[in-house]
Amino acid sequence: MATKKKAADFEQSLQQLEALVTEMEKGELSLEESLAAFEAGIRLTRECQTRLTEAEQKVQLLLEEQGQLTALPLDDEQDPA
């Protein structure tokens, strides 16, 4: 259940970050509001990065076989098809 909460937290943080960016791009915020929004954006970015790093570490643990990490390509560019 903790994993679902973290995923929900990630999605919520990402949505909040996107809303902040949209609001800032409008250019209608005062300097103080812009600074507060920027500070909140940095905090949200760090939270999202932490969650992504945790997810990456979990994936690496799941892919580990007999003490050796098996690297698998994630993009289509490496597929010969």
PDB file of N, CA and C in Angstrom:
ATOM      1  N   MET A   1       0.814  -1.190   0.000  1.00  0.00           N
ATOM      2  CA  MET A   1       0.000   0.000   0.000  1.00  0.00           C
ATOM      3  C   MET A   1       0.859   1.256   0.000  1.00  0.00           C
ATOM      4  N   ALA A   2       2.015   1.204   0.602  1.00  0.00           N
ATOM      5  CA  ALA A   2       2.913   2.358   0.638  1.00  0.00           C
ATOM      6  C   ALA A   2       3.348   2.744  -0.767  1.00  0.00           C
ATOM      7  N   THR A   3       3.528   1.750  -1.654  1.00  0.00           N
ATOM      8  CA  THR A   3       3.933   2.035  -3.026  1.00  0.00           C
ATOM      9  C   THR A   3       2.855   2.825  -3.749  1.00  0.00           C
ATOM     10  N   LYS A   4       1.584   2.470  -3.559  1.00  0.00           N
ATOM     11  CA  LYS A   4       0.498   3.206  -4.203  1.00  0.00           C
ATOM     12  C   LYS A   4       0.432   4.632  -3.679  1.00  0.00           C
ATOM     13  N   LYS A   5       0.678   4.822  -2.387  1.00  0.00           N
ATOM     14  CA  LYS A   5       0.671   6.164  -1.802  1.00  0.00           C
ATOM     15  C   LYS A   5       1.797   6.997  -2.399  1.00  0.00           C
ATOM     16  N   LYS A   6       2.988   6.388  -2.540  1.00  0.00           N
ATOM     17  CA  LYS A   6       4.112   7.123  -3.129  1.00  0.00           C
ATOM     18  C   LYS A   6       3.811   7.489  -4.575  1.00  0.00           C
ATOM     19  N   ALA A   7       3.205   6.557  -5.317  1.00  0.00           N
ATOM     20  CA  ALA A   7       2.862   6.844  -6.711  1.00  0.00           C
ATOM     21  C   ALA A   7       1.839   7.969  -6.772  1.00  0.00           C
ATOM     22  N   ALA A   8       0.850   7.941  -5.881  1.00  0.00           N
ATOM     23  CA  ALA A   8      -0.154   9.000  -5.852  1.00  0.00           C
ATOM     24  C   ALA A   8       0.495  10.319  -5.461  1.00  0.00           C
ATOM     25  N   ASP A   9       1.401  10.278  -4.488  1.00  0.00           N
ATOM     26  CA  ASP A   9       2.112  11.489  -4.087  1.00  0.00           C
ATOM     27  C   ASP A   9       2.920  12.042  -5.250  1.00  0.00           C
ATOM     28  N   PHE A  10       3.565  11.161  -6.006  1.00  0.00           N
ATOM     29  CA  PHE A  10       4.352  11.601  -7.163  1.00  0.00           C
ATOM     30  C   PHE A  10       3.444  12.287  -8.178  1.00  0.00           C
ATOM     31  N   GLU A  11       2.342  11.641  -8.505  1.00  0.00           N
ATOM     32  CA  GLU A  11       1.420  12.206  -9.486  1.00  0.00           C
ATOM     33  C   GLU A  11       0.865  13.552  -9.013  1.00  0.00           C
ATOM     34  N   GLN A  12       0.526  13.641  -7.744  1.00  0.00           N
ATOM     35  CA  GLN A  12       0.004  14.887  -7.195  1.00  0.00           C
ATOM     36  C   GLN A  12       1.074  15.977  -7.234  1.00  0.00           C
ATOM     37  N   SER A  13       2.294  15.640  -6.851  1.00  0.00           N
ATOM     38  CA  SER A  13       3.397  16.616  -6.884  1.00  0.00           C
ATOM     39  C   SER A  13       3.656  17.083  -8.305  1.00  0.00           C
ATOM     40  N   LEU A  14       3.618  16.162  -9.238  1.00  0.00           N
ATOM     41  CA  LEU A  14       3.848  16.510 -10.636  1.00  0.00           C
ATOM     42  C   LEU A  14       2.753  17.434 -11.160  1.00  0.00           C
ATOM     43  N   GLN A  15       1.513  17.168 -10.789  1.00  0.00           N
ATOM     44  CA  GLN A  15       0.404  18.036 -11.206  1.00  0.00           C
ATOM     45  C   GLN A  15       0.540  19.422 -10.594  1.00  0.00           C
ATOM     46  N   GLN A  16       0.939  19.482  -9.337  1.00  0.00           N
ATOM     47  CA  GLN A  16       1.141  20.776  -8.685  1.00  0.00           C
ATOM     48  C   GLN A  16       2.265  21.551  -9.372  1.00  0.00           C
ATOM     49  N   LEU A  17       3.329  20.846  -9.728  1.00  0.00           N
ATOM     50  CA  LEU A  17       4.450  21.482 -10.411  1.00  0.00           C
ATOM     51  C   LEU A  17       4.016  22.030 -11.768  1.00  0.00           C
ATOM     52  N   GLU A  18       3.251  21.242 -12.510  1.00  0.00           N
ATOM     53  CA  GLU A  18       2.758  21.693 -13.808  1.00  0.00           C
ATOM     54  C   GLU A  18       1.852  22.920 -13.658  1.00  0.00           C
ATOM     55  N   ALA A  19       1.021  22.939 -12.619  1.00  0.00           N
ATOM     56  CA  ALA A  19       0.148  24.088 -12.375  1.00  0.00           C
ATOM     57  C   ALA A  19       0.968  25.333 -12.047  1.00  0.00           C
ATOM     58  N   LEU A  20       2.017  25.162 -11.258  1.00  0.00           N
ATOM     59  CA  LEU A  20       2.894  26.292 -10.926  1.00  0.00           C
ATOM     60  C   LEU A  20       3.560  26.854 -12.177  1.00  0.00           C
ATOM     61  N   VAL A  21       4.059  25.966 -13.018  1.00  0.00           N
ATOM     62  CA  VAL A  21       4.727  26.401 -14.249  1.00  0.00           C
ATOM     63  C   VAL A  21       3.745  27.167 -15.132  1.00  0.00           C
ATOM     64  N   THR A  22       2.549  26.644 -15.271  1.00  0.00           N
ATOM     65  CA  THR A  22       1.525  27.308 -16.089  1.00  0.00           C
ATOM     66  C   THR A  22       1.222  28.700 -15.546  1.00  0.00           C
ATOM     67  N   GLU A  23       1.062  28.796 -14.222  1.00  0.00           N
ATOM     68  CA  GLU A  23       0.772  30.085 -13.591  1.00  0.00           C
ATOM     69  C   GLU A  23       1.924  31.067 -13.789  1.00  0.00           C
ATOM     70  N   MET A  24       3.147  30.588 -13.641  1.00  0.00           N
ATOM     71  CA  MET A  24       4.305  31.464 -13.801  1.00  0.00           C
ATOM     72  C   MET A  24       4.474  31.913 -15.251  1.00  0.00           C
ATOM     73  N   GLU A  25       4.153  31.027 -16.191  1.00  0.00           N
ATOM     74  CA  GLU A  25       4.303  31.371 -17.599  1.00  0.00           C
ATOM     75  C   GLU A  25       3.331  32.467 -18.035  1.00  0.00           C
ATOM     76  N   LYS A  26       2.236  32.619 -17.322  1.00  0.00           N
ATOM     77  CA  LYS A  26       1.280  33.675 -17.646  1.00  0.00           C
ATOM     78  C   LYS A  26       1.888  35.057 -17.437  1.00  0.00           C
ATOM     79  N   GLY A  27       2.862  35.140 -16.523  1.00  0.00           N
ATOM     80  CA  GLY A  27       3.545  36.406 -16.273  1.00  0.00           C
ATOM     81  C   GLY A  27       2.729  37.417 -15.491  1.00  0.00           C
ATOM     82  N   GLU A  28       1.728  36.971 -14.778  1.00  0.00           N
ATOM     83  CA  GLU A  28       0.855  37.885 -14.046  1.00  0.00           C
ATOM     84  C   GLU A  28       1.145  37.917 -12.548  1.00  0.00           C
ATOM     85  N   LEU A  29       2.126  37.155 -12.082  1.00  0.00           N
ATOM     86  CA  LEU A  29       2.450  37.111 -10.664  1.00  0.00           C
ATOM     87  C   LEU A  29       3.376  38.267 -10.291  1.00  0.00           C
ATOM     88  N   SER A  30       3.217  38.744  -9.071  1.00  0.00           N
ATOM     89  CA  SER A  30       4.142  39.759  -8.570  1.00  0.00           C
ATOM     90  C   SER A  30       5.494  39.100  -8.324  1.00  0.00           C
ATOM     91  N   LEU A  31       6.490  39.917  -8.048  1.00  0.00           N
ATOM     92  CA  LEU A  31       7.817  39.375  -7.771  1.00  0.00           C
ATOM     93  C   LEU A  31       7.771  38.425  -6.583  1.00  0.00           C
ATOM     94  N   GLU A  32       7.091  38.836  -5.522  1.00  0.00           N
ATOM     95  CA  GLU A  32       7.007  37.996  -4.327  1.00  0.00           C
ATOM     96  C   GLU A  32       6.288  36.685  -4.621  1.00  0.00           C
ATOM     97  N   GLU A  33       5.198  36.766  -5.382  1.00  0.00           N
ATOM     98  CA  GLU A  33       4.446  35.562  -5.749  1.00  0.00           C
ATOM     99  C   GLU A  33       5.289  34.651  -6.641  1.00  0.00           C
ATOM    100  N   SER A  34       6.035  35.259  -7.544  1.00  0.00           N
ATOM    101  CA  SER A  34       6.907  34.481  -8.435  1.00  0.00           C
ATOM    102  C   SER A  34       7.986  33.756  -7.646  1.00  0.00           C
ATOM    103  N   LEU A  35       8.591  34.445  -6.682  1.00  0.00           N
ATOM    104  CA  LEU A  35       9.614  33.817  -5.857  1.00  0.00           C
ATOM    105  C   LEU A  35       9.044  32.677  -5.028  1.00  0.00           C
ATOM    106  N   ALA A  36       7.859  32.879  -4.468  1.00  0.00           N
ATOM    107  CA  ALA A  36       7.221  31.823  -3.685  1.00  0.00           C
ATOM    108  C   ALA A  36       6.879  30.626  -4.572  1.00  0.00           C
ATOM    109  N   ALA A  37       6.393  30.897  -5.777  1.00  0.00           N
ATOM    110  CA  ALA A  37       6.068  29.826  -6.710  1.00  0.00           C
ATOM    111  C   ALA A  37       7.332  29.083  -7.136  1.00  0.00           C
ATOM    112  N   PHE A  38       8.400  29.823  -7.369  1.00  0.00           N
ATOM    113  CA  PHE A  38       9.671  29.204  -7.757  1.00  0.00           C
ATOM    114  C   PHE A  38      10.183  28.307  -6.631  1.00  0.00           C
ATOM    115  N   GLU A  39      10.112  28.800  -5.403  1.00  0.00           N
ATOM    116  CA  GLU A  39      10.556  28.015  -4.252  1.00  0.00           C
ATOM    117  C   GLU A  39       9.720  26.736  -4.114  1.00  0.00           C
ATOM    118  N   ALA A  40       8.416  26.856  -4.277  1.00  0.00           N
ATOM    119  CA  ALA A  40       7.547  25.687  -4.216  1.00  0.00           C
ATOM    120  C   ALA A  40       7.874  24.719  -5.357  1.00  0.00           C
ATOM    121  N   GLY A  41       8.170  25.263  -6.527  1.00  0.00           N
ATOM    122  CA  GLY A  41       8.526  24.423  -7.672  1.00  0.00           C
ATOM    123  C   GLY A  41       9.810  23.647  -7.440  1.00  0.00           C
ATOM    124  N   ILE A  42      10.787  24.292  -6.826  1.00  0.00           N
ATOM    125  CA  ILE A  42      12.044  23.607  -6.516  1.00  0.00           C
ATOM    126  C   ILE A  42      11.787  22.468  -5.542  1.00  0.00           C
ATOM    127  N   ARG A  43      10.957  22.727  -4.519  1.00  0.00           N
ATOM    128  CA  ARG A  43      10.637  21.696  -3.532  1.00  0.00           C
ATOM    129  C   ARG A  43       9.929  20.518  -4.209  1.00  0.00           C
ATOM    130  N   LEU A  44       8.954  20.811  -5.061  1.00  0.00           N
ATOM    131  CA  LEU A  44       8.222  19.753  -5.757  1.00  0.00           C
ATOM    132  C   LEU A  44       9.136  18.974  -6.700  1.00  0.00           C
ATOM    133  N   THR A  45      10.029  19.682  -7.380  1.00  0.00           N
ATOM    134  CA  THR A  45      10.979  19.020  -8.280  1.00  0.00           C
ATOM    135  C   THR A  45      11.857  18.044  -7.510  1.00  0.00           C
ATOM    136  N   ARG A  46      12.340  18.463  -6.357  1.00  0.00           N
ATOM    137  CA  ARG A  46      13.181  17.593  -5.535  1.00  0.00           C
ATOM    138  C   ARG A  46      12.401  16.380  -5.041  1.00  0.00           C
ATOM    139  N   GLU A  47      11.141  16.592  -4.643  1.00  0.00           N
ATOM    140  CA  GLU A  47      10.308  15.471  -4.208  1.00  0.00           C
ATOM    141  C   GLU A  47      10.120  14.468  -5.343  1.00  0.00           C
ATOM    142  N   CYS A  48       9.821  14.972  -6.530  1.00  0.00           N
ATOM    143  CA  CYS A  48       9.621  14.092  -7.691  1.00  0.00           C
ATOM    144  C   CYS A  48      10.911  13.356  -8.036  1.00  0.00           C
ATOM    145  N   GLN A  49      12.028  14.054  -8.000  1.00  0.00           N
ATOM    146  CA  GLN A  49      13.317  13.423  -8.313  1.00  0.00           C
ATOM    147  C   GLN A  49      13.627  12.333  -7.306  1.00  0.00           C
ATOM    148  N   THR A  50      13.341  12.577  -6.037  1.00  0.00           N
ATOM    149  CA  THR A  50      13.563  11.559  -5.010  1.00  0.00           C
ATOM    150  C   THR A  50      12.722  10.327  -5.279  1.00  0.00           C
ATOM    151  N   ARG A  51      11.459  10.533  -5.622  1.00  0.00           N
ATOM    152  CA  ARG A  51      10.568   9.396  -5.908  1.00  0.00           C
ATOM    153  C   ARG A  51      11.043   8.616  -7.141  1.00  0.00           C
ATOM    154  N   LEU A  52      11.498   9.345  -8.160  1.00  0.00           N
ATOM    155  CA  LEU A  52      12.001   8.672  -9.363  1.00  0.00           C
ATOM    156  C   LEU A  52      13.269   7.878  -9.067  1.00  0.00           C
ATOM    157  N   THR A  53      14.149   8.435  -8.252  1.00  0.00           N
ATOM    158  CA  THR A  53      15.371   7.728  -7.869  1.00  0.00           C
ATOM    159  C   THR A  53      15.032   6.463  -7.093  1.00  0.00           C
ATOM    160  N   GLU A  54      14.071   6.562  -6.171  1.00  0.00           N
ATOM    161  CA  GLU A  54      13.645   5.389  -5.406  1.00  0.00           C
ATOM    162  C   GLU A  54      13.077   4.317  -6.334  1.00  0.00           C
ATOM    163  N   ALA A  55      12.289   4.734  -7.309  1.00  0.00           N
ATOM    164  CA  ALA A  55      11.713   3.785  -8.258  1.00  0.00           C
ATOM    165  C   ALA A  55      12.806   3.125  -9.099  1.00  0.00           C
ATOM    166  N   GLU A  56      13.784   3.912  -9.531  1.00  0.00           N
ATOM    167  CA  GLU A  56      14.891   3.372 -10.317  1.00  0.00           C
ATOM    168  C   GLU A  56      15.676   2.344  -9.517  1.00  0.00           C
ATOM    169  N   GLN A  57      15.920   2.641  -8.249  1.00  0.00           N
ATOM    170  CA  GLN A  57      16.655   1.705  -7.391  1.00  0.00           C
ATOM    171  C   GLN A  57      15.870   0.411  -7.205  1.00  0.00           C
ATOM    172  N   LYS A  58      14.564   0.524  -7.066  1.00  0.00           N
ATOM    173  CA  LYS A  58      13.733  -0.670  -6.913  1.00  0.00           C
ATOM    174  C   LYS A  58      13.775  -1.520  -8.174  1.00  0.00           C
ATOM    175  N   VAL A  59      13.708  -0.874  -9.332  1.00  0.00           N
ATOM    176  CA  VAL A  59      13.770  -1.603 -10.601  1.00  0.00           C
ATOM    177  C   VAL A  59      15.118  -2.312 -10.723  1.00  0.00           C
ATOM    178  N   GLN A  60      16.201  -1.643 -10.359  1.00  0.00           N
ATOM    179  CA  GLN A  60      17.518  -2.271 -10.421  1.00  0.00           C
ATOM    180  C   GLN A  60      17.586  -3.493  -9.516  1.00  0.00           C
ATOM    181  N   LEU A  61      17.009  -3.404  -8.332  1.00  0.00           N
ATOM    182  CA  LEU A  61      16.994  -4.556  -7.426  1.00  0.00           C
ATOM    183  C   LEU A  61      16.189  -5.707  -8.016  1.00  0.00           C
ATOM    184  N   LEU A  62      15.089  -5.378  -8.659  1.00  0.00           N
ATOM    185  CA  LEU A  62      14.256  -6.426  -9.246  1.00  0.00           C
ATOM    186  C   LEU A  62      14.925  -7.099 -10.441  1.00  0.00           C
ATOM    187  N   LEU A  63      15.778  -6.364 -11.143  1.00  0.00           N
ATOM    188  CA  LEU A  63      16.458  -6.918 -12.315  1.00  0.00           C
ATOM    189  C   LEU A  63      17.739  -7.671 -11.960  1.00  0.00           C
ATOM    190  N   GLU A  64      18.157  -7.540 -10.725  1.00  0.00           N
ATOM    191  CA  GLU A  64      19.410  -8.157 -10.303  1.00  0.00           C
ATOM    192  C   GLU A  64      19.278  -9.681 -10.300  1.00  0.00           C
ATOM    193  N   GLU A  65      20.244 -10.340 -10.923  1.00  0.00           N
ATOM    194  CA  GLU A  65      20.251 -11.797 -10.987  1.00  0.00           C
ATOM    195  C   GLU A  65      21.596 -12.309 -10.500  1.00  0.00           C
ATOM    196  N   GLN A  66      21.572 -13.145  -9.508  1.00  0.00           N
ATOM    197  CA  GLN A  66      22.773 -13.775  -8.963  1.00  0.00           C
ATOM    198  C   GLN A  66      23.873 -12.746  -8.698  1.00  0.00           C
ATOM    199  N   GLY A  67      23.507 -11.623  -8.140  1.00  0.00           N
ATOM    200  CA  GLY A  67      24.488 -10.611  -7.776  1.00  0.00           C
ATOM    201  C   GLY A  67      24.943  -9.727  -8.912  1.00  0.00           C
ATOM    202  N   GLN A  68      24.444  -9.953 -10.126  1.00  0.00           N
ATOM    203  CA  GLN A  68      24.845  -9.121 -11.263  1.00  0.00           C
ATOM    204  C   GLN A  68      23.615  -8.457 -11.850  1.00  0.00           C
ATOM    205  N   LEU A  69      23.761  -7.207 -12.166  1.00  0.00           N
ATOM    206  CA  LEU A  69      22.668  -6.443 -12.736  1.00  0.00           C
ATOM    207  C   LEU A  69      22.558  -6.741 -14.222  1.00  0.00           C
ATOM    208  N   THR A  70      21.358  -7.060 -14.660  1.00  0.00           N
ATOM    209  CA  THR A  70      21.105  -7.303 -16.066  1.00  0.00           C
ATOM    210  C   THR A  70      20.500  -6.038 -16.664  1.00  0.00           C
ATOM    211  N   ALA A  71      21.236  -5.393 -17.547  1.00  0.00           N
ATOM    212  CA  ALA A  71      20.760  -4.157 -18.168  1.00  0.00           C
ATOM    213  C   ALA A  71      19.836  -4.494 -19.327  1.00  0.00           C
ATOM    214  N   LEU A  72      18.669  -3.873 -19.349  1.00  0.00           N
ATOM    215  CA  LEU A  72      17.716  -4.074 -20.429  1.00  0.00           C
ATOM    216  C   LEU A  72      17.446  -2.739 -21.101  1.00  0.00           C
ATOM    217  N   PRO A  73      17.434  -2.680 -22.435  1.00  0.00           N
ATOM    218  CA  PRO A  73      17.157  -1.410 -23.106  1.00  0.00           C
ATOM    219  C   PRO A  73      15.715  -0.985 -22.858  1.00  0.00           C
ATOM    220  N   LEU A  74      15.504   0.314 -22.640  1.00  0.00           N
ATOM    221  CA  LEU A  74      14.170   0.823 -22.388  1.00  0.00           C
ATOM    222  C   LEU A  74      13.585   1.585 -23.568  1.00  0.00           C
ATOM    223  N   ASP A  75      14.405   1.923 -24.536  1.00  0.00           N
ATOM    224  CA  ASP A  75      13.886   2.672 -25.674  1.00  0.00           C
ATOM    225  C   ASP A  75      13.837   1.811 -26.923  1.00  0.00           C
ATOM    226  N   ASP A  76      13.025   2.256 -27.889  1.00  0.00           N
ATOM    227  CA  ASP A  76      12.834   1.500 -29.129  1.00  0.00           C
ATOM    228  C   ASP A  76      14.019   1.595 -30.072  1.00  0.00           C
ATOM    229  N   GLU A  77      14.912   2.564 -29.872  1.00  0.00           N
ATOM    230  CA  GLU A  77      16.034   2.764 -30.771  1.00  0.00           C
ATOM    231  C   GLU A  77      16.971   1.575 -30.778  1.00  0.00           C
ATOM    232  N   GLN A  78      17.028   0.837 -29.675  1.00  0.00           N
ATOM    233  CA  GLN A  78      17.943  -0.295 -29.589  1.00  0.00           C
ATOM    234  C   GLN A  78      17.320  -1.581 -30.111  1.00  0.00           C
ATOM    235  N   ASP A  79      16.021  -1.579 -30.417  1.00  0.00           N
ATOM    236  CA  ASP A  79      15.366  -2.763 -30.959  1.00  0.00           C
ATOM    237  C   ASP A  79      15.687  -2.881 -32.447  1.00  0.00           C
ATOM    238  N   PRO A  80      16.099  -4.060 -32.900  1.00  0.00           N
ATOM    239  CA  PRO A  80      16.428  -4.220 -34.311  1.00  0.00           C
ATOM    240  C   PRO A  80      15.203  -4.254 -35.202  1.00  0.00           C
ATOM    241  N   ALA A  81      13.996  -4.307 -34.679  1.00  0.00           N
ATOM    242  CA  ALA A  81      12.780  -4.441 -35.460  1.00  0.00           C
ATOM    243  C   ALA A  81      12.464  -3.267 -36.274  1.00  0.00           C
TER     244      ALA A  81
END
